[in-house]
N, C-alpha and C. Protein backbone atom coordinates (compact mmCIF):
# COMPACT_ATOMS: atom_id res chain seq x y z
N MET A 1 -52.51 -40.78 7.16
CA MET A 1 -51.83 -40.22 8.00
C MET A 1 -50.16 -40.33 8.36
N LYS A 2 -50.02 -41.41 8.45
CA LYS A 2 -48.61 -41.85 8.44
C LYS A 2 -47.58 -41.16 7.50
N LYS A 3 -48.43 -41.07 5.98
CA LYS A 3 -47.36 -40.60 4.96
C LYS A 3 -47.48 -39.16 5.23
N ALA A 4 -48.44 -38.36 5.58
CA ALA A 4 -48.35 -37.05 5.88
C ALA A 4 -47.32 -36.60 6.91
N SER A 5 -47.09 -37.31 8.01
CA SER A 5 -46.45 -37.16 9.12
C SER A 5 -45.09 -37.49 8.71
N LEU A 6 -44.85 -38.34 7.96
CA LEU A 6 -43.32 -38.76 7.57
C LEU A 6 -42.81 -37.61 6.59
N LEU A 7 -43.90 -37.37 5.47
CA LEU A 7 -43.62 -36.19 4.69
C LEU A 7 -42.91 -34.78 5.60
N LEU A 8 -43.91 -34.60 6.59
CA LEU A 8 -43.58 -33.27 7.26
C LEU A 8 -41.95 -33.53 7.92
N GLU A 9 -41.94 -34.78 8.38
CA GLU A 9 -40.27 -35.23 9.09
C GLU A 9 -39.30 -34.98 8.28
N TYR A 10 -39.58 -35.12 6.98
CA TYR A 10 -38.40 -35.27 5.70
C TYR A 10 -38.45 -33.83 5.49
N MET A 11 -39.30 -33.17 5.56
CA MET A 11 -39.34 -31.52 4.97
C MET A 11 -38.47 -30.76 6.07
N PHE A 12 -38.89 -31.09 7.50
CA PHE A 12 -38.54 -30.42 8.43
C PHE A 12 -36.70 -30.89 8.54
N GLY A 13 -36.62 -32.26 8.33
CA GLY A 13 -34.84 -32.51 8.32
C GLY A 13 -34.32 -31.91 7.42
N PHE A 14 -35.01 -31.72 6.14
CA PHE A 14 -34.43 -30.93 5.24
C PHE A 14 -34.07 -29.69 5.36
N MET A 15 -35.04 -29.04 5.94
CA MET A 15 -34.83 -27.58 6.11
C MET A 15 -33.87 -27.28 7.25
N MET A 16 -33.52 -28.21 8.11
CA MET A 16 -32.56 -28.08 9.23
C MET A 16 -31.25 -28.25 8.92
N MET A 17 -31.25 -29.41 7.67
CA MET A 17 -29.93 -29.31 7.26
C MET A 17 -29.46 -28.27 6.09
N ALA A 18 -30.56 -27.67 5.61
CA ALA A 18 -30.14 -26.58 4.71
C ALA A 18 -29.72 -25.55 5.38
N GLY A 19 -30.46 -25.18 6.39
CA GLY A 19 -29.93 -24.05 7.54
C GLY A 19 -28.78 -24.44 8.30
N VAL A 20 -28.07 -25.70 8.28
CA VAL A 20 -26.88 -25.80 9.08
C VAL A 20 -25.98 -25.69 8.02
N ILE A 21 -26.01 -26.20 6.61
CA ILE A 21 -25.39 -25.76 5.68
C ILE A 21 -25.00 -24.17 5.26
N LEU A 22 -26.19 -23.45 5.10
CA LEU A 22 -26.12 -21.89 5.29
C LEU A 22 -25.30 -21.15 6.42
N LEU A 23 -25.47 -21.70 7.57
CA LEU A 23 -24.68 -21.26 8.76
C LEU A 23 -23.22 -21.80 8.53
N ILE A 24 -22.90 -22.95 8.17
CA ILE A 24 -21.64 -23.22 8.03
C ILE A 24 -20.86 -22.30 6.87
N SER A 25 -21.76 -22.24 5.82
CA SER A 25 -21.10 -21.15 4.48
C SER A 25 -20.95 -19.72 5.00
N TYR A 26 -21.66 -19.09 5.81
CA TYR A 26 -21.73 -17.89 6.40
C TYR A 26 -20.55 -17.70 7.39
N ILE A 27 -20.43 -18.49 8.17
CA ILE A 27 -19.30 -18.62 9.14
C ILE A 27 -17.85 -18.64 8.57
N SER A 28 -17.85 -19.71 7.37
CA SER A 28 -16.49 -19.70 6.63
C SER A 28 -16.17 -18.50 5.91
N PHE A 29 -17.18 -18.03 5.35
CA PHE A 29 -16.80 -16.83 4.40
C PHE A 29 -16.61 -15.48 5.43
N ASN A 30 -17.14 -15.46 6.40
CA ASN A 30 -16.57 -14.42 7.32
C ASN A 30 -15.34 -14.66 8.02
N LEU A 31 -14.73 -15.93 8.20
CA LEU A 31 -13.46 -16.11 8.77
C LEU A 31 -12.57 -16.03 7.72
N ALA A 32 -12.84 -16.44 6.56
CA ALA A 32 -11.93 -16.25 5.52
C ALA A 32 -11.63 -15.05 4.85
N GLU A 33 -12.53 -13.73 5.07
CA GLU A 33 -12.49 -12.59 4.59
C GLU A 33 -11.44 -11.75 5.35
N PRO A 34 -11.17 -12.02 6.69
CA PRO A 34 -10.08 -11.02 7.17
C PRO A 34 -8.72 -11.58 6.74
N GLN A 35 -8.49 -12.81 6.49
CA GLN A 35 -7.45 -13.32 5.91
C GLN A 35 -7.09 -12.74 4.71
N VAL A 36 -7.89 -12.48 3.98
CA VAL A 36 -7.85 -12.11 2.40
C VAL A 36 -7.31 -10.60 2.37
N SER A 37 -8.16 -9.77 3.57
CA SER A 37 -7.69 -8.45 3.85
C SER A 37 -6.28 -8.26 4.45
N GLU A 38 -5.84 -9.37 5.33
CA GLU A 38 -4.53 -9.41 6.27
C GLU A 38 -3.49 -9.57 4.84
N ALA A 39 -3.70 -10.48 4.03
CA ALA A 39 -2.77 -10.59 3.01
C ALA A 39 -2.57 -9.54 2.00
N ARG A 40 -3.80 -8.80 1.61
CA ARG A 40 -3.55 -7.75 1.08
C ARG A 40 -2.84 -6.65 1.83
N SER A 41 -3.19 -6.23 2.86
CA SER A 41 -2.54 -5.34 3.73
C SER A 41 -0.99 -5.80 3.75
N SER A 42 -0.68 -6.86 3.94
CA SER A 42 0.77 -7.17 4.17
C SER A 42 1.42 -6.83 2.85
N GLN A 43 0.63 -7.14 1.82
CA GLN A 43 1.38 -6.65 0.30
C GLN A 43 1.57 -5.29 0.20
N TYR A 44 0.50 -4.73 0.62
CA TYR A 44 0.77 -3.08 0.81
C TYR A 44 1.97 -2.32 1.49
N GLU A 45 2.02 -3.18 2.80
CA GLU A 45 2.88 -2.85 4.01
C GLU A 45 4.58 -2.84 2.99
N GLU A 46 4.66 -4.32 2.47
CA GLU A 46 5.82 -4.52 1.81
C GLU A 46 6.15 -3.67 0.64
N LYS A 47 5.09 -3.19 -0.01
CA LYS A 47 5.27 -2.19 -1.30
C LYS A 47 5.66 -0.64 -0.53
N ALA A 48 5.20 -0.55 0.15
CA ALA A 48 5.35 1.09 0.92
C ALA A 48 6.53 1.05 1.59
N PHE A 49 7.08 0.01 2.26
CA PHE A 49 8.32 -0.26 2.81
C PHE A 49 9.54 -0.10 1.89
N SER A 50 9.37 -0.85 0.53
CA SER A 50 10.07 -0.99 -0.50
C SER A 50 10.15 0.34 -1.11
N ILE A 51 9.26 1.22 -1.30
CA ILE A 51 9.40 2.70 -1.91
C ILE A 51 10.22 3.40 -0.81
N SER A 52 9.95 3.47 0.40
CA SER A 52 10.39 4.26 1.28
C SER A 52 12.24 3.79 1.05
N ASP A 53 12.41 2.53 1.25
CA ASP A 53 13.61 2.12 1.30
C ASP A 53 14.41 2.54 -0.19
N MET A 54 13.75 2.53 -1.45
CA MET A 54 14.21 2.97 -2.65
C MET A 54 14.54 4.69 -2.32
N LEU A 55 13.88 5.32 -1.98
CA LEU A 55 14.03 6.47 -1.69
C LEU A 55 15.09 6.98 -0.91
N LEU A 56 15.22 6.33 0.24
CA LEU A 56 15.96 6.87 1.45
C LEU A 56 17.55 6.29 1.41
N LYS A 57 17.77 5.18 0.77
CA LYS A 57 19.02 4.34 0.68
C LYS A 57 19.59 4.40 -0.68
N SER A 58 18.89 4.65 -1.73
CA SER A 58 19.38 4.59 -3.05
C SER A 58 19.67 5.94 -3.62
N LYS A 59 20.62 5.98 -4.53
CA LYS A 59 20.78 7.02 -5.31
C LYS A 59 19.89 6.95 -6.79
N GLY A 60 19.04 5.75 -6.81
CA GLY A 60 18.42 5.66 -8.16
C GLY A 60 19.10 5.32 -9.02
N SER A 61 18.34 5.20 -10.01
CA SER A 61 19.29 4.44 -11.57
C SER A 61 18.53 5.52 -12.64
N PRO A 62 19.48 5.70 -13.50
CA PRO A 62 20.74 6.03 -13.39
C PRO A 62 21.31 6.63 -12.08
N ASP A 63 22.65 6.66 -11.45
CA ASP A 63 22.89 7.31 -10.35
C ASP A 63 22.52 8.94 -10.35
N ASN A 64 22.77 9.47 -11.50
CA ASN A 64 22.55 10.81 -11.89
C ASN A 64 21.27 11.24 -12.34
N TRP A 65 19.90 10.44 -12.13
CA TRP A 65 18.91 10.67 -13.08
C TRP A 65 18.38 11.96 -12.88
N GLU A 66 18.76 12.76 -11.71
CA GLU A 66 18.25 13.99 -11.73
C GLU A 66 18.76 15.05 -12.67
N LYS A 67 19.74 14.41 -13.46
CA LYS A 67 20.28 15.42 -14.38
C LYS A 67 19.84 14.89 -15.64
N GLY A 68 19.14 14.09 -16.00
CA GLY A 68 18.74 13.61 -17.15
C GLY A 68 17.33 13.44 -17.43
N ASP A 69 16.97 12.80 -18.78
CA ASP A 69 15.69 12.61 -18.76
C ASP A 69 15.16 11.09 -18.43
N GLU A 70 16.11 10.33 -18.64
CA GLU A 70 15.91 8.76 -18.32
C GLU A 70 15.64 8.45 -16.86
N ILE A 71 14.83 8.01 -16.18
CA ILE A 71 14.81 7.50 -15.02
C ILE A 71 14.22 5.97 -14.80
N THR A 72 14.75 5.11 -14.35
CA THR A 72 14.70 3.85 -14.20
C THR A 72 14.02 3.57 -12.66
N THR A 73 14.80 4.09 -11.72
CA THR A 73 14.55 3.91 -10.43
C THR A 73 14.54 5.43 -9.71
N ILE A 74 13.80 5.87 -8.79
CA ILE A 74 13.97 7.12 -8.09
C ILE A 74 14.44 6.80 -6.82
N GLY A 75 15.75 7.24 -6.68
CA GLY A 75 16.40 7.09 -5.11
C GLY A 75 16.79 8.87 -4.99
N LEU A 76 16.77 9.18 -3.46
CA LEU A 76 16.68 10.26 -3.11
C LEU A 76 18.26 10.74 -2.57
N ALA A 77 18.92 9.57 -2.27
CA ALA A 77 20.00 9.70 -1.39
C ALA A 77 21.14 9.92 -1.79
N ILE A 78 22.20 10.59 -1.20
CA ILE A 78 23.59 10.45 -1.57
C ILE A 78 24.27 9.62 -1.13
N GLN A 79 23.72 9.17 0.26
CA GLN A 79 24.31 7.76 1.07
C GLN A 79 22.92 7.49 1.71
N PRO A 80 22.81 6.34 2.22
CA PRO A 80 21.47 5.77 3.25
C PRO A 80 21.20 7.09 4.11
N TYR A 81 19.97 7.44 3.93
CA TYR A 81 19.34 8.46 4.78
C TYR A 81 19.77 9.69 4.92
N ILE A 82 20.80 10.09 3.99
CA ILE A 82 21.20 11.39 3.66
C ILE A 82 20.83 12.10 2.29
N LEU A 83 19.73 12.65 2.31
CA LEU A 83 19.24 13.23 0.87
C LEU A 83 19.81 14.45 0.17
N SER A 84 19.82 14.09 -1.23
CA SER A 84 20.31 15.25 -2.05
C SER A 84 19.18 16.07 -2.27
N GLN A 85 19.37 17.47 -2.44
CA GLN A 85 18.61 18.63 -2.53
C GLN A 85 18.25 18.26 -4.19
N GLU A 86 19.37 18.33 -4.94
CA GLU A 86 19.26 18.13 -6.31
C GLU A 86 18.08 17.12 -6.79
N LYS A 87 18.24 16.15 -6.20
CA LYS A 87 17.33 14.86 -6.46
C LYS A 87 15.95 15.23 -5.87
N ILE A 88 15.93 15.91 -4.59
CA ILE A 88 14.41 16.18 -4.15
C ILE A 88 13.68 17.22 -5.31
N GLN A 89 14.51 18.11 -5.57
CA GLN A 89 13.86 19.33 -6.73
C GLN A 89 13.39 18.67 -7.76
N ARG A 90 14.35 17.63 -8.35
CA ARG A 90 13.97 16.78 -9.60
C ARG A 90 12.74 16.12 -9.37
N PHE A 91 12.72 15.29 -8.26
CA PHE A 91 11.41 14.46 -7.89
C PHE A 91 10.28 15.28 -7.69
N SER A 92 10.32 16.84 -7.12
CA SER A 92 9.18 17.48 -6.94
C SER A 92 8.54 17.83 -8.52
N LEU A 93 9.55 17.92 -9.53
CA LEU A 93 9.03 18.39 -10.76
C LEU A 93 8.57 16.98 -11.57
N LEU A 94 8.42 15.85 -10.95
CA LEU A 94 7.89 14.83 -11.74
C LEU A 94 6.17 14.87 -11.30
N THR A 95 5.76 14.21 -12.56
CA THR A 95 4.05 14.15 -12.47
C THR A 95 3.92 13.00 -11.71
N THR A 96 2.94 12.98 -11.02
CA THR A 96 2.27 11.79 -10.13
C THR A 96 2.29 10.61 -11.26
N GLU A 97 1.91 10.65 -12.16
CA GLU A 97 1.81 9.43 -13.23
C GLU A 97 3.17 9.01 -13.50
N ALA A 98 4.17 9.95 -13.63
CA ALA A 98 5.37 9.39 -13.89
C ALA A 98 5.92 8.42 -12.73
N VAL A 99 5.66 9.10 -11.53
CA VAL A 99 6.07 8.70 -10.14
C VAL A 99 5.49 7.05 -10.22
N ALA A 100 4.04 7.07 -10.38
CA ALA A 100 3.14 5.85 -10.34
C ALA A 100 3.89 4.74 -11.26
N GLN A 101 4.23 5.10 -12.54
CA GLN A 101 4.86 4.20 -13.50
C GLN A 101 6.01 3.74 -12.91
N ILE A 102 7.01 4.48 -12.32
CA ILE A 102 8.16 4.13 -12.01
C ILE A 102 8.14 3.22 -10.76
N PHE A 103 7.33 3.43 -9.94
CA PHE A 103 7.13 2.60 -8.51
C PHE A 103 5.99 1.38 -8.82
N GLY A 104 5.48 1.37 -9.95
CA GLY A 104 4.64 0.42 -10.28
C GLY A 104 3.41 0.18 -9.41
N THR A 105 2.83 1.45 -8.92
CA THR A 105 1.61 1.61 -8.45
C THR A 105 0.85 2.78 -8.58
N GLU A 106 -0.58 2.62 -8.67
CA GLU A 106 -1.28 3.80 -9.13
C GLU A 106 -1.71 4.18 -7.82
N ARG A 107 -1.96 3.84 -6.89
CA ARG A 107 -2.50 4.04 -5.46
C ARG A 107 -1.52 4.22 -4.58
N PHE A 108 -1.08 5.45 -4.45
CA PHE A 108 0.13 5.84 -3.60
C PHE A 108 0.37 7.35 -3.06
N MET A 109 0.95 7.74 -1.76
CA MET A 109 1.22 9.12 -1.67
C MET A 109 2.41 8.88 -1.23
N ILE A 110 3.01 9.90 -1.57
CA ILE A 110 4.75 10.02 -0.90
C ILE A 110 4.69 11.56 -0.53
N ARG A 111 5.17 11.71 0.67
CA ARG A 111 4.98 13.15 1.34
C ARG A 111 6.51 13.20 1.95
N ILE A 112 7.11 14.37 1.64
CA ILE A 112 8.68 14.58 2.06
C ILE A 112 8.27 16.12 3.00
N TYR A 113 8.59 16.03 4.02
CA TYR A 113 8.24 17.39 4.73
C TYR A 113 9.16 17.38 6.18
N GLY A 114 9.52 18.81 6.27
CA GLY A 114 10.15 19.15 7.27
C GLY A 114 10.32 20.66 7.47
N SER A 115 11.27 21.10 8.12
CA SER A 115 11.33 22.60 8.53
C SER A 115 11.19 23.51 7.31
N ASN A 116 11.90 23.14 6.34
CA ASN A 116 11.84 23.91 4.88
C ASN A 116 11.31 23.12 3.62
N ILE A 117 10.70 22.22 4.01
CA ILE A 117 10.29 21.58 2.95
C ILE A 117 9.09 20.71 3.04
N ASN A 118 8.10 20.88 1.87
CA ASN A 118 6.76 19.89 1.87
C ASN A 118 6.47 19.74 0.43
N ILE A 119 6.89 18.49 0.35
CA ILE A 119 6.49 18.02 -1.10
C ILE A 119 5.53 16.91 -0.98
N GLN A 120 4.47 16.71 -2.08
CA GLN A 120 3.83 15.63 -2.03
C GLN A 120 3.48 15.12 -3.38
N LYS A 121 3.53 13.81 -3.55
CA LYS A 121 3.00 12.99 -4.51
C LYS A 121 1.84 12.19 -4.68
N GLY A 122 1.06 11.91 -5.62
CA GLY A 122 0.20 11.02 -5.28
C GLY A 122 -0.97 11.45 -4.65
N ILE A 123 -2.03 10.94 -4.07
CA ILE A 123 -3.26 11.44 -3.63
C ILE A 123 -3.52 11.29 -2.25
N ILE A 124 -4.16 11.81 -1.34
CA ILE A 124 -4.54 11.35 -0.23
C ILE A 124 -5.52 10.17 -0.10
N PRO A 125 -5.01 9.03 0.83
CA PRO A 125 -5.94 7.81 0.74
C PRO A 125 -7.04 8.30 1.55
N THR A 126 -8.29 7.54 0.89
CA THR A 126 -9.79 7.48 1.39
C THR A 126 -10.05 6.11 2.06
N GLU A 127 -9.08 5.01 1.28
CA GLU A 127 -9.43 3.72 1.77
C GLU A 127 -9.16 3.42 3.29
N LYS A 128 -9.71 2.37 3.67
CA LYS A 128 -9.66 1.53 4.94
C LYS A 128 -8.32 0.99 4.89
N ASN A 129 -8.03 0.21 4.03
CA ASN A 129 -6.84 -0.80 3.90
C ASN A 129 -5.72 0.13 3.30
N VAL A 130 -4.97 0.83 4.13
CA VAL A 130 -3.66 1.58 3.65
C VAL A 130 -2.71 1.21 4.55
N ALA A 131 -1.79 1.24 3.77
CA ALA A 131 -0.30 0.85 4.65
C ALA A 131 0.41 2.02 4.47
N ILE A 132 0.70 2.34 5.62
CA ILE A 132 1.67 3.77 5.97
C ILE A 132 2.95 3.55 6.34
N VAL A 133 4.11 3.94 5.97
CA VAL A 133 5.35 4.00 6.29
C VAL A 133 6.00 5.29 6.58
N GLU A 134 6.34 5.73 7.90
CA GLU A 134 6.95 7.10 7.90
C GLU A 134 8.42 6.78 8.42
N ARG A 135 9.51 7.34 7.78
CA ARG A 135 10.84 7.12 8.06
C ARG A 135 11.42 8.75 8.35
N LYS A 136 12.55 8.60 8.88
CA LYS A 136 13.41 9.94 9.02
C LYS A 136 14.71 10.06 8.22
N ALA A 137 15.11 10.94 7.70
CA ALA A 137 16.31 11.28 6.82
C ALA A 137 16.73 12.57 7.12
N LEU A 138 18.02 13.05 6.63
CA LEU A 138 18.46 14.17 6.51
C LEU A 138 18.76 14.81 5.19
N LEU A 139 18.48 16.10 5.30
CA LEU A 139 18.48 16.94 4.07
C LEU A 139 19.19 18.14 4.77
N ASP A 140 20.47 18.51 4.09
CA ASP A 140 21.03 19.74 4.50
C ASP A 140 21.19 19.84 5.97
N ASP A 141 21.39 18.72 6.60
CA ASP A 141 21.93 18.55 8.11
C ASP A 141 20.37 19.08 9.01
N ASN A 142 19.41 18.84 8.35
CA ASN A 142 18.10 18.91 8.65
C ASN A 142 17.21 17.83 8.67
N GLN A 143 16.41 17.39 9.87
CA GLN A 143 15.72 16.30 9.93
C GLN A 143 14.31 16.33 8.95
N VAL A 144 14.15 15.73 8.06
CA VAL A 144 12.95 15.41 7.40
C VAL A 144 12.31 14.05 7.45
N ASN A 145 10.87 14.30 7.35
CA ASN A 145 10.13 12.75 7.32
C ASN A 145 9.57 12.50 6.10
N VAL A 146 9.73 11.31 5.74
CA VAL A 146 9.29 10.76 4.74
C VAL A 146 8.02 9.51 4.71
N VAL A 147 6.92 10.12 3.95
CA VAL A 147 5.71 9.28 4.44
C VAL A 147 5.37 8.64 3.10
N VAL A 148 5.11 7.10 3.26
CA VAL A 148 4.71 6.63 1.78
C VAL A 148 3.58 5.71 1.99
N ALA A 149 2.28 6.07 1.55
CA ALA A 149 1.40 5.15 1.67
C ALA A 149 0.92 4.57 0.49
N VAL A 150 0.45 3.15 0.62
CA VAL A 150 -0.05 2.41 -0.34
C VAL A 150 -1.19 1.69 -0.23
N TRP A 151 -2.29 1.68 -0.90
CA TRP A 151 -3.39 1.09 -0.95
C TRP A 151 -3.76 0.39 -2.21
C-alpha cells in the first residue's frame, strides 16, 4: 500500500514538474517571438529608409546613369530632394528585377506619384511585417511623393 502511494506521489510530482517546464517554455517562446519580429521590422525600416535616401538625395552611380547602360546605384536627384525628369523616365523603363538587383532586395515596392506622375516598381505588399517610408520631393517645381516599402 505504501509503495503504491509513494509511486503515485512520484508520478504526480513528475507530471507537475513536466507541466511547469512546458509552461515556462511556452511563455519564453512567446516573449522571444516579438523581439525577433521587431528586429526584422527594424531591418526593413532601415532598408526602406536607405533606399528612399538613395533615390531622393543621390544622383546615382555613375552620375549620368540615365544616359548609359551601366547602373551601379539608382539616384533620382539633381540635388537633394529635387528630382531629374530624365532619371525618373529612365527609372520607369527599368525592370523590377533590375531594380531589385541594384537595391539588393526582392520584396519591395517603390512608388513615385504626384499631379503628373505615377510610377511603380515592385509588387504591392501583402505581408504583415512591412516597413513603409513616404517622403516628398520636387519634380519640375511640383511636389511628388516617393513611397518605399520593404518586407
